[in-house]
């Protein structure tokens, strides 16, 4: 499901990168700087990426239908994965190509002061977009440590923008240094080397984003804290003898499917089982509104073990 925080971050990145890419392309044409051209390509790719992320947000908000009974929430995980591929293939690939070409055929940077001005302005714009993304991420992570919050995040849009802009800031610093060395020391080869370093930065960023999105696409369960809380709610019910199985999966940042196999106390009338299930669902969703669907199966633990043994026998055969 689309969130206001995600849209705010993406729109800020979209308009910021669009203005920056236009400015960088203009500067690269005037100064013939390879590092500036790599940065212009980088910003253009980032602009296209924001469009894809917005498209993913819109698609993920579509209601469930007959062909997609669990909704379209995983579109939010698919499009950031596409973004990671684009960063790697287009951003890193073209930057590497341009860098290799300029290392093999160095060309002096002309009117370098234009690059300094453009790179300085770009740093200001990128810093603002990065700060917007970081503030939203800080709100989402709460008291979690930074790295753990990134690994546990179920909303790839904010993470994608945050890391894109972190890579952009590093790229701008590398480009600035490359242009400065080329200009002051008359060593144009460093302009090409800067392009190669920008390519490496983009490739590492893309690899990390692809790895994070892969887990969400395959299907990640709810946070351990959420599972512990749900288990406590079930344990408080006197009608439950045992929790046989608890399975969760994220279909979106705020869309969790919960499957439960519960062993009710022996001799409990069906009417009381139905009442207990209804109350349990209400208690779970009241505390965890992100659990949008709950399926509960009443099953004796003895029967579950029998079924499990039979499945293992069939697999062995």
Foldseek 3Di string as FASTA:
>chain_A
DADPLLLVLLVLLQVLLVVLLVLLVVLCVVFVFLLSPLLSQLSVLSNVLSVLLVVLRVQQPDAADDVRNQGQQLSQLVSLLVSLVCLQCRNLVVLLVSLVVCLVPPDATPPLVSVVVSLVVSLVSLVVSLVSLVVSLCVVQPPDDPVVSLLQAQRLSSVLSNLSSVLSNVLSVLQVVLSVCCPPVVDRNSSSVSSNVSSVSSNVSSVVSNVSSVDLSVWDFHDPVLVVVLVVLVVVDPQFDDWQDWTWTDSHRLAIEIETETEGDPPDDPVVVVVSVVVSVVVSCVVRVSHPYYHYHHDHNVVVVVVVVVVVVVVVD
